[in-house]
Amino acid sequence: MQTTLARLTLFSLLLGAAQFAAAQTPTTPTPAAQTRTSPVRVTASTQLVTQVTVDGKATERLSDAGSARPGNVLQLNQKVDNVSSGLIRGLALNMNVDPATVFQSSGCTVTGVTTLFSADGKTFAQAPLKKTVTVTENGQSVKKEVVVPPSEYKALRWQLPDLAAGKSAGCFIRVSVR
């Protein structure tokens, strides 16, 4: 189970990176496009988040996630490097929440990022997400709009600010293992 979870999580990260790279590549490449390399490099990693005490203070430690167990918190990282000599605009970085985990939080290392969330893995919006549910009140079915709890998020999308040549952006999600 532990190895399978680590493989599933890494696979999800790599799949997200591949989807990102595919979105940047034309579907019918021209001969010039076939010899061109991507202007971005996307790398992914997974780390185990643990609480430790250092000099009497509680702090977090990030380590290899090879032995994740139910209840552990993982940090799933994606880093985008602009390996071109020019400015890149309109980058979007997607990350799925593995079904064996529950979304906890997210963050990025750059300012100006717009974070969008998805409860279905297809449509994205800023938090808080809302959904319509049918409830029974006084014997009648009534539709109500309710807030989707973050634990139901299935994916995230970061719309990154312009990325100058040689610059990087890193984003992550934290999830707990089911």
Protein backbone atom coordinates (compact mmCIF):
# COMPACT_ATOMS: atom_id res chain seq x y z
CA MET A 1 0.00 0.00 0.00
CA GLN A 2 2.75 2.46 0.98
CA THR A 3 4.78 1.87 -2.18
CA THR A 4 1.63 1.91 -4.31
CA LEU A 5 0.56 5.26 -2.79
CA ALA A 6 3.98 6.78 -3.40
CA ARG A 7 3.91 5.52 -7.00
CA LEU A 8 0.33 6.77 -7.52
CA THR A 9 1.21 10.16 -6.10
CA LEU A 10 4.38 10.46 -8.16
CA PHE A 11 2.46 9.25 -11.23
CA SER A 12 -0.21 11.93 -10.63
CA LEU A 13 2.47 14.59 -10.34
CA LEU A 14 4.28 13.43 -13.45
CA LEU A 15 1.00 13.16 -15.34
CA GLY A 16 0.16 16.73 -14.35
CA ALA A 17 3.59 17.84 -15.56
CA ALA A 18 3.07 15.96 -18.82
CA GLN A 19 -0.35 17.57 -19.27
CA PHE A 20 1.27 20.97 -18.67
CA ALA A 21 3.99 20.28 -21.23
CA ALA A 22 1.43 18.94 -23.71
CA ALA A 23 -0.62 22.11 -23.35
CA GLN A 24 2.45 24.11 -24.38
CA THR A 25 3.10 22.03 -27.54
CA PRO A 26 1.19 22.46 -30.84
CA THR A 27 -0.92 19.44 -31.83
CA THR A 28 0.40 19.46 -35.42
CA PRO A 29 4.03 20.47 -35.14
CA THR A 30 5.72 22.15 -38.06
CA PRO A 31 9.22 20.96 -39.03
CA ALA A 32 10.68 23.92 -37.10
CA ALA A 33 8.57 23.06 -34.03
CA GLN A 34 9.76 19.45 -34.13
CA THR A 35 13.35 20.57 -33.54
CA ARG A 36 12.46 23.21 -30.93
CA THR A 37 12.72 22.37 -27.24
CA SER A 38 10.21 23.47 -24.62
CA PRO A 39 10.86 26.90 -23.09
CA VAL A 40 9.98 25.47 -19.67
CA ARG A 41 11.17 22.56 -17.56
CA VAL A 42 8.71 21.13 -15.03
CA THR A 43 9.95 18.95 -12.17
CA ALA A 44 7.91 17.21 -9.49
CA SER A 45 8.69 15.81 -6.06
CA THR A 46 6.83 14.42 -3.07
CA GLN A 47 7.89 14.97 0.53
CA LEU A 48 6.67 13.71 3.90
CA VAL A 49 5.81 16.52 6.34
CA THR A 50 6.59 15.75 9.98
CA GLN A 51 6.49 17.84 13.15
CA VAL A 52 9.75 17.86 15.12
CA THR A 53 11.13 19.83 18.04
CA VAL A 54 14.35 21.77 17.44
CA ASP A 55 15.85 23.77 20.32
CA GLY A 56 12.55 23.50 22.19
CA LYS A 57 10.51 24.86 19.27
CA ALA A 58 8.03 22.89 17.17
CA THR A 59 8.92 22.99 13.49
CA GLU A 60 8.24 21.06 10.30
CA ARG A 61 10.64 18.72 8.60
CA LEU A 62 10.32 17.68 4.95
CA SER A 63 11.81 14.31 4.04
CA ASP A 64 11.57 11.55 1.44
CA ALA A 65 7.97 10.31 1.16
CA GLY A 66 8.85 6.69 0.40
CA SER A 67 7.18 5.39 3.57
CA ALA A 68 3.89 7.33 3.70
CA ARG A 69 1.14 5.78 5.82
CA PRO A 70 -2.51 6.69 6.44
CA GLY A 71 -2.67 9.93 8.41
CA ASN A 72 0.69 11.21 7.11
CA VAL A 73 0.83 14.63 5.47
CA LEU A 74 2.55 14.85 2.08
CA GLN A 75 3.74 17.93 0.24
CA LEU A 76 3.46 17.52 -3.54
CA ASN A 77 5.74 19.99 -5.30
CA GLN A 78 5.92 21.22 -8.89
CA LYS A 79 8.63 23.59 -10.06
CA VAL A 80 8.62 25.41 -13.40
CA ASP A 81 11.90 26.79 -14.77
CA ASN A 82 12.00 29.21 -17.71
CA VAL A 83 14.92 27.71 -19.64
CA SER A 84 14.43 30.07 -22.59
CA SER A 85 16.05 33.43 -23.22
CA GLY A 86 12.71 35.26 -23.25
CA LEU A 87 9.73 36.15 -21.10
CA ILE A 88 6.98 33.52 -20.82
CA ARG A 89 3.41 34.70 -20.33
CA GLY A 90 0.21 32.87 -19.47
CA LEU A 91 1.63 29.78 -17.74
CA ALA A 92 -0.89 27.57 -15.98
CA LEU A 93 0.26 24.75 -13.72
CA ASN A 94 -2.24 22.00 -12.88
CA MET A 95 -2.08 19.42 -10.11
CA ASN A 96 -4.56 16.65 -9.35
CA VAL A 97 -5.34 15.54 -5.81
CA ASP A 98 -4.69 11.78 -5.72
CA PRO A 99 -7.87 9.85 -4.70
CA ALA A 100 -5.85 8.12 -1.93
CA THR A 101 -5.35 11.54 -0.28
CA VAL A 102 -7.37 14.50 1.04
CA PHE A 103 -6.47 18.10 0.14
CA GLN A 104 -5.24 20.22 3.05
CA SER A 105 -3.61 23.41 1.71
CA SER A 106 -1.58 24.94 -1.12
CA GLY A 107 1.07 27.56 -1.76
CA CYS A 108 3.50 29.06 -4.27
CA THR A 109 6.96 30.62 -4.07
CA VAL A 110 6.09 33.58 -6.32
CA THR A 111 3.72 36.48 -5.82
CA GLY A 112 0.96 37.36 -8.24
CA VAL A 113 -0.29 33.77 -8.63
CA THR A 114 -4.02 33.15 -9.03
CA THR A 115 -5.00 29.84 -7.42
CA LEU A 116 -8.07 28.07 -8.78
CA PHE A 117 -9.68 24.96 -7.29
CA SER A 118 -11.85 22.18 -8.72
CA ALA A 119 -14.29 19.81 -7.06
CA ASP A 120 -14.80 17.78 -10.25
CA GLY A 121 -11.33 17.94 -11.84
CA LYS A 122 -12.73 19.81 -14.87
CA THR A 123 -14.06 23.23 -13.88
CA PHE A 124 -11.91 25.64 -11.88
CA ALA A 125 -12.76 28.71 -9.79
CA GLN A 126 -11.38 30.72 -6.89
CA ALA A 127 -12.25 29.55 -3.38
CA PRO A 128 -14.65 29.17 -1.81
CA LEU A 129 -16.17 26.77 -4.32
CA LYS A 130 -19.93 26.37 -4.21
CA LYS A 131 -22.30 23.64 -5.32
CA THR A 132 -26.06 23.21 -5.45
CA VAL A 133 -27.62 20.47 -3.33
CA THR A 134 -31.22 19.38 -2.89
CA VAL A 135 -32.49 19.18 0.69
CA THR A 136 -35.88 18.51 2.19
CA GLU A 137 -37.38 21.36 4.21
CA ASN A 138 -40.92 21.16 5.59
CA GLY A 139 -41.58 18.13 3.40
CA GLN A 140 -40.51 19.85 0.17
CA SER A 141 -37.38 19.49 -1.93
CA VAL A 142 -35.42 22.72 -1.99
CA LYS A 143 -32.24 23.51 -3.88
CA LYS A 144 -29.57 25.31 -1.87
CA GLU A 145 -26.14 26.62 -2.68
CA VAL A 146 -23.51 25.40 -0.21
CA VAL A 147 -19.75 25.83 0.13
CA VAL A 148 -17.66 22.87 -1.02
CA PRO A 149 -15.27 21.89 1.80
CA PRO A 150 -11.59 21.88 0.72
CA SER A 151 -11.47 18.17 1.58
CA GLU A 152 -13.56 17.61 -1.59
CA TYR A 153 -11.14 19.42 -3.92
CA LYS A 154 -9.93 17.17 -6.75
CA ALA A 155 -7.48 19.47 -8.54
CA LEU A 156 -5.79 22.88 -8.47
CA ARG A 157 -4.63 25.26 -11.16
CA TRP A 158 -2.13 28.01 -10.62
CA GLN A 159 -2.15 30.84 -13.15
CA LEU A 160 1.40 32.08 -12.89
CA PRO A 161 2.62 35.63 -13.47
CA ASP A 162 5.02 36.36 -16.32
CA LEU A 163 8.19 34.29 -15.88
CA ALA A 164 11.42 35.99 -16.97
CA ALA A 165 14.28 34.09 -18.60
CA GLY A 166 16.17 31.98 -16.08
CA LYS A 167 13.50 32.41 -13.38
CA SER A 168 11.56 29.69 -11.56
CA ALA A 169 8.19 29.28 -9.87
CA GLY A 170 7.31 26.57 -7.40
CA CYS A 171 3.87 25.54 -6.21
CA PHE A 172 2.74 22.79 -3.87
CA ILE A 173 -0.25 21.16 -2.28
CA ARG A 174 -0.38 19.44 1.05
CA VAL A 175 -2.55 16.35 1.38
CA SER A 176 -3.20 13.79 4.09
CA VAL A 177 -3.04 10.11 3.23
CA ARG A 178 -6.37 8.26 3.64
